Amino acid sequence: MKYKLDCKDSFENSMMFWLTRYVKFKLSSLSNKELRDPKELASINFSLSKGVASINELDGLVKKARNAGLTGVNTYFNPLKKIYETLMFYELDSLKRIDEELLSEVLASTTGGLSDASKKNYRIAVINFFNFLDRQNEDDGRSHNFGIVLKNWGGISGLRGQKLPEFMSEEEIKRFLDAIESAEFKSNSDRNKGIIKLIIFTGIRVGEAINLRKKDISEDGELFVIRIRGKGNKYRVVMIKKHLIQNHLDTLPTHFDNKEGFVFINKNGARLTQAYISRIVEQILFKAGIRKEKNGAHMLRHTFATMLYRKQKDLVLVQEALGHASLNTSRIYTHFDSDKLRLAAQVAEDFSE
């Protein structure tokens, strides 16, 4: 069913109406191979069908969908939430007032300081949303076509201007690992320490760690061989020395109901959430006296990748270990090549002499 573009009594309500319909559309079009709770998804869709009163309520439903297994919905919704919040300052009277020039202006204010990769995500989300509006709005047999392409917005080109990832130095890693050992949790101490060590020692994504199943872990001498299902349902293998995490794995709870076989579970037998892991990481970083611009758990993956390249100088190894589809994605970790920087410093000294 199609609706008028300005179908509600105000710009804000009309925008919320279309964002809600768009989220509902994305939930039905995204891959459901990771879906773990069909009943939860049905409940979310029912709530979306009734209508959503605020952007925070919609944000809460999106988070529930992500936790149910539709992780890709974040990529589309989070940028649109920022765009929506910024558009509210313009006090527009109609969605028809939105055009490419206005969106470029809004994007410039909402993506300042972000990496090129994040800017591309914003661009894709905005184009996708307004293409949806182009197809779904109708008034007296006609539709308003926004024609948003943002072809030249942001000057995005390759890796130019890409921000360097946050990572820990070797000295900070030692402090971080010491803080893990001495960390005190109210419960599930070995589980929490085990999953954090697994992430920083292998570079796997947080989502890959919390979705790890017992059947994915095998042994090969002194190694654990771990089968990882990454982005796009692509599989890869990572390895870790047993002694680094075995004492934590041996004490993981097994008496809870956990039919899906997840390794890291809560007291109800459900897998942990990304938000929970991020809180643990922030707690340990604070204990270690380490502060970064981005303190999230993904920083551990950047740390592993940076140190891997620094020690081995093998970009293909970094690509394989992290599961990057493109070598260009891995190339950002060459930013910390101290040997080459020392050569550059020596050249400058020779020149001055």
Protein backbone atom coordinates (compact mmCIF):
# COMPACT_ATOMS: atom_id res chain seq x y z
CA MET A 1 0.00 0.00 0.00
CA LYS A 2 1.27 3.47 -0.93
CA TYR A 3 0.77 6.69 1.05
CA LYS A 4 1.04 10.42 0.52
CA LEU A 5 4.53 11.71 1.19
CA ASP A 6 3.24 14.15 3.82
CA CYS A 7 0.81 11.67 5.29
CA LYS A 8 0.77 13.00 8.86
CA ASP A 9 0.00 16.30 10.52
CA SER A 10 3.61 17.46 10.74
CA PHE A 11 6.99 16.99 9.10
CA GLU A 12 8.29 15.20 12.19
CA ASN A 13 5.41 12.72 12.29
CA SER A 14 5.55 12.09 8.54
CA MET A 15 9.28 11.46 8.72
CA MET A 16 8.78 9.07 11.66
CA PHE A 17 6.04 7.25 9.72
CA TRP A 18 8.33 6.65 6.74
CA LEU A 19 11.34 5.68 8.85
CA THR A 20 9.17 3.09 10.61
CA ARG A 21 7.93 1.68 7.30
CA TYR A 22 11.49 1.63 5.98
CA VAL A 23 12.80 -0.30 9.00
CA LYS A 24 9.96 -2.80 8.60
CA PHE A 25 10.89 -3.17 4.92
CA LYS A 26 14.57 -3.74 5.75
CA LEU A 27 13.74 -6.39 8.35
CA SER A 28 11.96 -8.39 5.65
CA SER A 29 14.65 -7.90 3.00
CA LEU A 30 17.83 -8.54 5.02
CA SER A 31 19.33 -12.02 5.21
CA ASN A 32 17.76 -14.06 8.02
CA LYS A 33 20.43 -16.78 8.14
CA GLU A 34 21.57 -15.48 11.54
CA LEU A 35 18.03 -15.15 12.93
CA ARG A 36 17.83 -16.83 16.32
CA ASP A 37 14.45 -15.72 17.64
CA PRO A 38 11.62 -15.72 15.06
CA LYS A 39 9.03 -14.89 17.74
CA GLU A 40 10.97 -11.77 18.74
CA LEU A 41 11.13 -10.65 15.11
CA ALA A 42 7.37 -11.20 14.76
CA SER A 43 6.81 -9.09 17.88
CA ILE A 44 9.01 -6.30 16.50
CA ASN A 45 7.16 -6.29 13.18
CA PHE A 46 3.85 -6.11 15.03
CA SER A 47 5.06 -3.09 17.01
CA LEU A 48 6.23 -1.42 13.79
CA SER A 49 2.85 -2.09 12.17
CA LYS A 50 1.05 -0.31 15.03
CA GLY A 51 3.28 2.74 14.61
CA VAL A 52 6.15 4.25 16.57
CA ALA A 53 5.90 7.46 18.58
CA SER A 54 9.55 8.55 18.78
CA ILE A 55 12.97 7.99 17.27
CA ASN A 56 14.16 6.46 20.56
CA GLU A 57 11.33 3.92 20.49
CA LEU A 58 12.26 3.01 16.91
CA ASP A 59 15.92 2.77 17.94
CA GLY A 60 14.94 0.33 20.69
CA LEU A 61 13.09 -1.91 18.23
CA VAL A 62 16.06 -1.86 15.85
CA LYS A 63 18.36 -2.96 18.69
CA LYS A 64 15.99 -5.82 19.50
CA ALA A 65 16.06 -6.87 15.85
CA ARG A 66 19.85 -6.77 15.86
CA ASN A 67 19.99 -8.91 18.99
CA ALA A 68 17.55 -11.35 17.39
CA GLY A 69 20.08 -11.88 14.60
CA LEU A 70 19.39 -9.25 11.91
CA THR A 71 22.67 -7.42 12.48
CA GLY A 72 22.68 -5.61 9.12
CA VAL A 73 19.78 -3.35 10.11
CA ASN A 74 22.22 -1.14 12.09
CA THR A 75 24.11 -0.18 8.94
CA TYR A 76 20.98 1.37 7.49
CA PHE A 77 19.20 2.74 10.54
CA ASN A 78 21.98 4.38 12.59
CA PRO A 79 22.92 6.92 9.88
CA LEU A 80 19.24 7.70 9.25
CA LYS A 81 18.69 8.32 12.95
CA LYS A 82 21.43 10.98 12.87
CA ILE A 83 19.98 12.48 9.69
CA TYR A 84 16.50 12.57 11.25
CA GLU A 85 17.73 14.29 14.41
CA THR A 86 19.59 16.92 12.37
CA LEU A 87 16.65 17.57 10.02
CA MET A 88 14.51 18.44 13.05
CA PHE A 89 16.57 21.62 13.50
CA TYR A 90 15.49 22.89 10.06
CA GLU A 91 11.79 23.13 11.01
CA LEU A 92 10.62 21.97 7.59
CA ASP A 93 6.92 21.91 6.72
CA SER A 94 7.07 19.15 4.10
CA LEU A 95 9.25 16.20 3.11
CA LYS A 96 9.21 17.68 -0.39
CA ARG A 97 11.55 20.40 0.91
CA ILE A 98 14.32 17.81 1.18
CA ASP A 99 16.66 17.78 -1.79
CA GLU A 100 20.22 16.76 -2.58
CA GLU A 101 21.66 20.12 -1.55
CA LEU A 102 20.01 19.96 1.87
CA LEU A 103 21.08 16.36 2.42
CA SER A 104 24.68 17.20 1.49
CA GLU A 105 24.59 19.97 4.07
CA VAL A 106 23.12 17.66 6.73
CA LEU A 107 25.63 14.93 5.94
CA ALA A 108 28.50 17.40 6.23
CA SER A 109 27.44 18.23 9.79
CA THR A 110 26.69 14.66 10.89
CA THR A 111 29.75 12.90 9.45
CA GLY A 112 32.51 15.33 10.41
CA GLY A 113 35.54 13.40 11.65
CA LEU A 114 34.26 10.04 10.42
CA SER A 115 36.33 7.76 8.22
CA ASP A 116 35.64 7.39 4.51
CA ALA A 117 34.20 3.94 5.19
CA SER A 118 31.66 5.40 7.65
CA LYS A 119 30.82 8.21 5.22
CA LYS A 120 30.12 5.62 2.53
CA ASN A 121 27.76 3.83 4.93
CA TYR A 122 25.90 7.11 5.49
CA ARG A 123 25.67 7.77 1.77
CA ILE A 124 24.37 4.26 1.05
CA ALA A 125 21.79 4.47 3.86
CA VAL A 126 20.48 7.86 2.70
CA ILE A 127 20.24 6.83 -0.96
CA ASN A 128 18.55 3.56 -0.03
CA PHE A 129 15.98 5.31 2.17
CA PHE A 130 15.04 7.95 -0.39
CA ASN A 131 14.86 5.35 -3.17
CA PHE A 132 12.36 3.57 -0.92
CA LEU A 133 10.37 6.80 -0.59
CA ASP A 134 10.44 7.27 -4.38
CA ARG A 135 8.79 3.87 -4.82
CA GLN A 136 6.31 4.02 -1.95
CA ASN A 137 4.77 7.52 -1.94
CA GLU A 138 1.76 8.32 -4.12
CA ASP A 139 -0.81 11.14 -4.28
CA ASP A 140 -3.56 11.11 -6.91
CA GLY A 141 -1.63 8.58 -8.97
CA ARG A 142 1.61 10.55 -8.84
CA SER A 143 4.71 10.07 -6.74
CA HIS A 144 7.30 12.59 -5.63
CA ASN A 145 10.73 11.54 -6.87
CA PHE A 146 13.67 12.77 -4.79
CA GLY A 147 16.31 11.42 -7.19
CA ILE A 148 19.00 11.41 -4.49
CA VAL A 149 22.38 10.16 -5.79
CA LEU A 150 24.98 12.16 -3.76
CA LYS A 151 27.49 11.34 -6.45
CA ASN A 152 30.06 13.97 -5.53
CA TRP A 153 29.29 14.34 -1.83
CA GLY A 154 32.11 14.24 0.71
CA GLY A 155 35.00 13.82 -1.72
CA ILE A 156 35.09 10.10 -0.95
CA SER A 157 37.71 8.35 -3.03
CA GLY A 158 39.53 5.15 -2.12
CA LEU A 159 41.40 5.45 1.18
CA ARG A 160 42.09 9.16 0.91
CA GLY A 161 41.36 10.91 4.20
CA GLN A 162 40.63 7.67 6.03
CA LYS A 163 41.10 7.92 9.79
CA LEU A 164 43.67 5.68 11.37
CA PRO A 165 42.11 3.04 13.61
CA GLU A 166 42.41 3.28 17.37
CA PHE A 167 44.75 0.64 18.79
CA MET A 168 46.86 -0.08 21.86
CA SER A 169 50.64 0.05 21.97
CA GLU A 170 52.60 -2.97 23.20
CA GLU A 171 52.99 -1.37 26.62
CA GLU A 172 49.24 -0.69 26.78
CA ILE A 173 48.48 -4.27 25.71
CA LYS A 174 50.52 -5.56 28.66
CA ARG A 175 48.61 -3.30 31.02
CA PHE A 176 45.34 -4.37 29.46
CA LEU A 177 46.14 -8.08 29.85
CA ASP A 178 47.19 -7.50 33.47
CA ALA A 179 43.90 -5.71 34.05
CA ILE A 180 41.99 -8.68 32.61
CA GLU A 181 43.69 -11.05 35.06
CA SER A 182 42.93 -8.85 38.08
CA ALA A 183 39.44 -7.80 36.98
CA GLU A 184 36.64 -8.63 39.37
CA PHE A 185 33.19 -9.42 38.05
CA LYS A 186 30.09 -10.15 40.10
CA SER A 187 29.67 -13.42 38.22
CA ASN A 188 30.92 -15.33 35.18
CA SER A 189 34.45 -14.04 35.61
CA ASP A 190 36.07 -16.79 33.51
CA ARG A 191 33.51 -16.37 30.76
CA ASN A 192 34.10 -12.61 30.55
CA LYS A 193 37.88 -12.93 30.65
CA GLY A 194 37.82 -15.75 28.11
CA ILE A 195 35.85 -13.92 25.45
CA ILE A 196 37.92 -10.74 25.77
CA LYS A 197 41.17 -12.70 25.47
CA LEU A 198 39.80 -14.60 22.48
CA ILE A 199 39.02 -11.34 20.67
CA ILE A 200 42.35 -9.63 21.33
CA PHE A 201 44.44 -12.78 20.67
CA THR A 202 42.73 -13.66 17.36
CA GLY A 203 41.32 -10.36 16.06
CA ILE A 204 37.85 -11.80 15.48
CA ARG A 205 34.88 -9.45 15.50
CA VAL A 206 32.72 -9.16 18.62
CA GLY A 207 29.77 -10.53 16.67
CA GLU A 208 31.84 -13.51 15.60
CA ALA A 209 32.87 -14.20 19.20
CA ILE A 210 29.38 -14.12 20.68
CA ASN A 211 28.07 -16.35 17.86
CA LEU A 212 30.80 -18.95 18.38
CA ARG A 213 29.49 -22.48 18.91
CA LYS A 214 31.16 -25.40 20.65
CA LYS A 215 31.15 -27.42 17.42
CA ASP A 216 33.29 -24.70 15.81
CA ILE A 217 36.25 -25.39 18.11
CA SER A 218 38.64 -28.30 17.54
CA GLU A 219 42.11 -29.13 18.80
CA ASP A 220 45.38 -29.56 16.95
CA GLY A 221 48.23 -30.26 19.34
CA GLU A 222 48.87 -27.12 21.35
CA LEU A 223 46.36 -25.12 19.31
CA PHE A 224 42.65 -24.48 19.31
CA VAL A 225 41.44 -24.34 15.71
CA ILE A 226 38.34 -22.15 15.51
CA ARG A 227 35.95 -22.01 12.56
CA ILE A 228 34.54 -18.51 12.20
CA ARG A 229 31.49 -17.47 10.22
CA GLY A 230 32.15 -13.86 9.25
CA LYS A 231 30.39 -11.19 7.22
CA GLY A 232 28.37 -12.43 4.27
CA ASN A 233 28.32 -15.93 5.83
CA LYS A 234 31.90 -16.46 4.69
CA TYR A 235 33.91 -18.94 6.74
CA ARG A 236 37.54 -18.73 7.79
CA VAL A 237 39.76 -20.38 10.38
CA VAL A 238 41.71 -18.73 13.21
CA MET A 239 44.07 -20.40 15.66
CA ILE A 240 45.08 -19.67 19.24
CA LYS A 241 47.48 -21.39 21.64
CA LYS A 242 45.46 -23.49 24.09
CA HIS A 243 47.19 -22.24 27.21
CA LEU A 244 46.01 -18.67 26.54
CA ILE A 245 42.31 -19.40 27.12
CA GLN A 246 41.86 -23.06 28.08
CA ASN A 247 41.51 -22.43 31.82
CA HIS A 248 38.65 -20.03 31.05
CA LEU A 249 36.91 -22.36 28.60
CA ASP A 250 37.12 -25.29 31.01
CA THR A 251 35.03 -23.45 33.59
CA LEU A 252 32.30 -22.17 31.27
CA PRO A 253 28.75 -23.04 32.36
CA THR A 254 27.27 -26.12 30.71
CA HIS A 255 24.20 -26.75 32.84
CA PHE A 256 22.05 -24.02 31.35
CA ASP A 257 19.66 -24.60 28.47
CA ASN A 258 21.72 -23.81 25.37
CA LYS A 259 20.27 -25.78 22.48
CA GLU A 260 22.16 -23.79 19.86
CA GLY A 261 25.50 -24.66 21.44
CA PHE A 262 26.86 -21.13 21.97
CA VAL A 263 30.16 -21.04 23.86
CA PHE A 264 29.60 -17.76 25.69
CA ILE A 265 26.13 -17.60 27.24
CA ASN A 266 24.25 -15.86 30.05
CA LYS A 267 22.37 -17.50 32.90
CA ASN A 268 19.38 -18.09 30.63
CA GLY A 269 21.44 -19.95 28.05
CA ALA A 270 21.26 -17.09 25.53
CA ARG A 271 24.30 -15.68 23.78
CA LEU A 272 25.86 -12.47 25.08
CA THR A 273 25.18 -9.13 23.37
CA GLN A 274 27.67 -6.76 21.74
CA ALA A 275 26.66 -4.02 24.18
CA TYR A 276 27.56 -6.28 27.12
CA ILE A 277 31.00 -7.06 25.67
CA SER A 278 31.66 -3.36 25.07
CA ARG A 279 30.87 -2.60 28.71
CA ILE A 280 33.34 -5.26 29.84
CA VAL A 281 36.07 -3.84 27.59
CA GLU A 282 35.47 -0.30 28.84
CA GLN A 283 35.63 -1.55 32.43
CA ILE A 284 38.98 -3.27 31.83
CA LEU A 285 40.40 -0.28 29.92
CA PHE A 286 39.44 2.02 32.78
CA LYS A 287 41.10 -0.32 35.26
CA ALA A 288 44.27 -0.32 33.13
CA GLY A 289 44.25 3.47 32.87
CA ILE A 290 43.91 3.39 29.08
CA ARG A 291 41.73 5.96 27.33
CA LYS A 292 41.14 6.06 23.60
CA GLU A 293 38.87 8.12 21.37
CA LYS A 294 36.96 4.92 20.72
CA ASN A 295 36.98 2.54 23.68
CA GLY A 296 34.70 -0.09 22.18
CA ALA A 297 35.52 -3.76 21.85
CA HIS A 298 36.25 -3.33 18.11
CA MET A 299 39.43 -1.50 19.15
CA LEU A 300 40.80 -4.89 20.27
CA ARG A 301 40.50 -6.15 16.69
CA HIS A 302 42.39 -3.09 15.42
CA THR A 303 45.07 -3.72 18.03
CA PHE A 304 45.55 -7.33 16.96
CA ALA A 305 45.72 -6.38 13.27
CA THR A 306 48.20 -3.56 13.88
CA MET A 307 50.52 -5.74 15.95
CA LEU A 308 50.22 -8.64 13.49
CA TYR A 309 51.38 -6.45 10.63
CA ARG A 310 54.08 -4.81 12.73
CA LYS A 311 55.56 -8.20 13.70
CA GLN A 312 55.15 -10.05 10.40
CA LYS A 313 55.01 -7.31 7.71
CA ASP A 314 52.64 -9.59 5.76
CA LEU A 315 49.53 -7.81 4.48
CA VAL A 316 48.02 -10.99 3.04
CA LEU A 317 48.33 -12.64 6.46
CA VAL A 318 46.43 -9.72 7.99
CA GLN A 319 43.74 -10.07 5.34
CA GLU A 320 43.34 -13.81 5.97
CA ALA A 321 43.41 -13.51 9.75
CA LEU A 322 40.79 -10.77 9.87
CA GLY A 323 38.62 -12.13 7.08
CA HIS A 324 38.75 -9.03 4.89
CA ALA A 325 37.24 -9.45 1.43
CA SER A 326 39.68 -6.94 -0.05
CA LEU A 327 43.39 -6.42 0.53
CA ASN A 328 42.71 -2.68 0.44
CA THR A 329 40.71 -3.00 3.66
CA SER A 330 43.74 -4.53 5.37
CA ARG A 331 46.09 -1.90 3.98
CA ILE A 332 45.11 0.60 6.67
CA TYR A 333 47.15 -1.43 9.20
CA THR A 334 50.38 -0.59 7.42
CA HIS A 335 50.17 2.82 9.09
CA PHE A 336 52.37 1.59 11.91
CA ASP A 337 55.52 0.46 10.15
CA SER A 338 58.17 1.80 12.53
CA ASP A 339 61.11 0.37 10.55
CA LYS A 340 60.21 2.41 7.48
CA LEU A 341 59.61 5.49 9.62
CA ARG A 342 63.07 5.09 11.13
CA LEU A 343 64.52 4.92 7.61
CA ALA A 344 62.69 8.14 6.78
CA ALA A 345 64.15 9.78 9.87
CA GLN A 346 67.65 8.63 8.91
CA VAL A 347 67.24 10.02 5.38
CA ALA A 348 66.32 13.38 6.84
CA GLU A 349 69.39 13.34 9.08
CA ASP A 350 71.66 12.38 6.17
CA PHE A 351 70.21 15.18 4.09
CA SER A 352 70.84 17.76 6.82
CA GLU A 353 74.47 16.65 7.11
